[in-house]
């Protein structure tokens, strides 16, 4: 499954990759990462399709991940589920506004990130099952 990781900070992207790992749960396929550092790159990559889960950094500059998430939810047909990384737990209301599907706070807890991404991957896989 393809996971798009958006942050202008390469260290944050690396932390996310390390937290999720090669496979966040035994029942899921391997993860292929797509890393982007700008809002236009997120939009372009989502428009191409094939992304299963998106992870956004709320602290990204100049376009924050929560605004990018809201834009994706408004504009992308069949938008993949989004995990938002927020700097402060009090920013949870902003994540709700952005329509993020899951939220984790800094500092990143690798177990929480992997669990959240695994849940979103399962949700995405279930939404793509053929209807009989």
Protein backbone atom coordinates (compact mmCIF):
# COMPACT_ATOMS: atom_id res chain seq x y z
CA UNK A 1 0.00 0.00 0.00
CA UNK A 2 1.22 3.50 -0.78
CA UNK A 3 1.55 6.00 2.05
CA UNK A 4 2.09 9.64 1.13
CA UNK A 5 4.05 11.55 3.79
CA UNK A 6 3.83 15.35 3.64
CA UNK A 7 6.19 17.60 5.60
CA UNK A 8 8.62 20.31 4.63
CA UNK A 9 10.98 18.84 7.24
CA UNK A 10 12.94 15.79 6.07
CA UNK A 11 13.47 14.78 9.72
CA UNK A 12 9.71 14.57 10.32
CA UNK A 13 9.30 12.47 7.17
CA UNK A 14 12.07 10.15 8.38
CA UNK A 15 10.46 9.83 11.83
CA UNK A 16 7.15 8.87 10.21
CA UNK A 17 8.81 6.25 7.99
CA UNK A 18 10.65 4.78 10.97
CA UNK A 19 7.49 4.73 13.10
CA UNK A 20 5.42 2.95 10.44
CA UNK A 21 8.20 0.70 9.27
CA UNK A 22 8.06 -1.75 6.38
CA UNK A 23 4.72 -3.20 7.49
CA UNK A 24 2.74 -1.64 10.39
CA UNK A 25 0.85 -4.88 11.16
CA UNK A 26 1.21 -8.53 10.23
CA UNK A 27 -2.14 -8.62 8.41
CA UNK A 28 -1.21 -5.76 6.07
CA UNK A 29 0.89 -5.60 2.91
CA UNK A 30 4.25 -3.86 2.76
CA UNK A 31 4.30 -0.07 2.66
CA UNK A 32 5.66 1.94 -0.24
CA UNK A 33 6.41 5.54 0.75
CA UNK A 34 5.83 8.62 -1.35
CA UNK A 35 7.43 11.67 0.27
CA UNK A 36 6.52 15.23 -0.64
CA UNK A 37 7.57 18.56 0.85
CA UNK A 38 5.12 21.06 -0.68
CA UNK A 39 1.36 21.54 -0.96
CA UNK A 40 1.42 21.57 -4.79
CA UNK A 41 3.26 18.22 -4.73
CA UNK A 42 0.57 16.74 -2.46
CA UNK A 43 -2.19 17.91 -4.80
CA UNK A 44 -0.38 16.62 -7.89
CA UNK A 45 0.34 13.23 -6.33
CA UNK A 46 -3.22 12.77 -5.05
CA UNK A 47 -4.55 13.72 -8.49
CA UNK A 48 -2.45 10.89 -9.97
CA UNK A 49 -4.24 8.40 -7.70
CA UNK A 50 -2.96 5.20 -6.15
CA UNK A 51 -2.35 6.62 -2.67
CA UNK A 52 -3.88 4.57 0.15
CA UNK A 53 -3.09 6.67 3.23
CA UNK A 54 -1.83 10.23 3.70
CA UNK A 55 0.20 11.45 6.68
CA UNK A 56 0.39 15.25 7.05
CA UNK A 57 2.52 17.43 9.31
CA UNK A 58 0.38 20.23 10.75
CA UNK A 59 3.52 22.30 11.29
CA UNK A 60 4.67 22.19 7.65
CA UNK A 61 5.53 25.55 6.11
CA UNK A 62 4.32 27.55 4.25
CA UNK A 63 1.20 25.40 3.85
CA UNK A 64 0.30 23.47 6.98
CA UNK A 65 -0.81 19.88 6.83
CA UNK A 66 -4.24 20.59 8.27
CA UNK A 67 -5.07 23.04 5.50
CA UNK A 68 -3.72 20.56 2.95
CA UNK A 69 -5.89 17.85 4.51
CA UNK A 70 -9.02 20.02 4.32
CA UNK A 71 -8.26 20.87 0.68
CA UNK A 72 -7.79 17.20 -0.18
CA UNK A 73 -11.03 16.20 1.56
CA UNK A 74 -12.86 18.95 -0.39
CA UNK A 75 -11.28 18.40 -3.79
CA UNK A 76 -10.04 14.83 -4.21
CA UNK A 77 -12.53 12.21 -5.33
CA UNK A 78 -12.31 9.15 -3.08
CA UNK A 79 -9.75 10.92 -0.89
CA UNK A 80 -7.60 8.45 1.02
CA UNK A 81 -7.78 8.54 4.82
CA UNK A 82 -5.50 11.11 6.45
CA UNK A 83 -3.43 10.93 9.63
CA UNK A 84 -2.57 14.39 10.98
CA UNK A 85 0.46 15.02 13.15
CA UNK A 86 -0.19 17.94 15.50
CA UNK A 87 2.30 19.74 17.72
CA UNK A 88 -0.03 20.20 20.68
CA UNK A 89 -2.93 18.06 21.87
CA UNK A 90 -4.95 21.29 22.13
CA UNK A 91 -4.78 21.51 18.33
CA UNK A 92 -7.11 18.54 18.09
CA UNK A 93 -10.00 20.85 17.20
CA UNK A 94 -8.06 22.02 14.15
CA UNK A 95 -7.61 18.42 13.07
CA UNK A 96 -11.38 17.97 13.41
CA UNK A 97 -11.89 21.06 11.24
CA UNK A 98 -9.51 19.62 8.63
CA UNK A 99 -11.53 16.36 8.58
CA UNK A 100 -8.45 14.25 9.36
CA UNK A 101 -9.38 10.62 9.94
CA UNK A 102 -6.88 10.16 12.78
CA UNK A 103 -4.56 12.35 14.83
CA UNK A 104 -1.28 11.85 16.69
CA UNK A 105 0.64 14.47 18.66
CA UNK A 106 4.33 15.27 18.85
CA UNK A 107 6.59 13.88 20.08
CA UNK A 108 5.74 10.91 17.89
CA UNK A 109 4.98 7.66 19.65
CA UNK A 110 6.01 5.03 17.07
CA UNK A 111 3.42 2.55 18.37
CA UNK A 112 0.60 5.10 18.09
CA UNK A 113 1.67 6.12 14.58
CA UNK A 114 1.94 2.51 13.37
CA UNK A 115 -1.41 1.60 14.97
CA UNK A 116 -3.15 4.63 13.42
CA UNK A 117 -1.72 4.00 9.96
CA UNK A 118 -2.58 0.30 10.18
CA UNK A 119 -6.20 1.19 11.06
CA UNK A 120 -6.37 3.63 8.14
CA UNK A 121 -4.84 1.05 5.78
CA UNK A 122 -7.47 -1.50 6.84
CA UNK A 123 -10.21 1.08 6.33
CA UNK A 124 -8.91 1.90 2.87
CA UNK A 125 -8.64 -1.77 1.91
CA UNK A 126 -12.19 -2.42 3.13
CA UNK A 127 -13.54 0.50 1.10
CA UNK A 128 -12.04 -1.04 -2.04
CA UNK A 129 -13.51 -4.52 -1.67
CA UNK A 130 -15.82 -5.44 -4.55
CA UNK A 131 -19.53 -5.33 -3.80
CA UNK A 132 -21.25 -8.62 -4.67
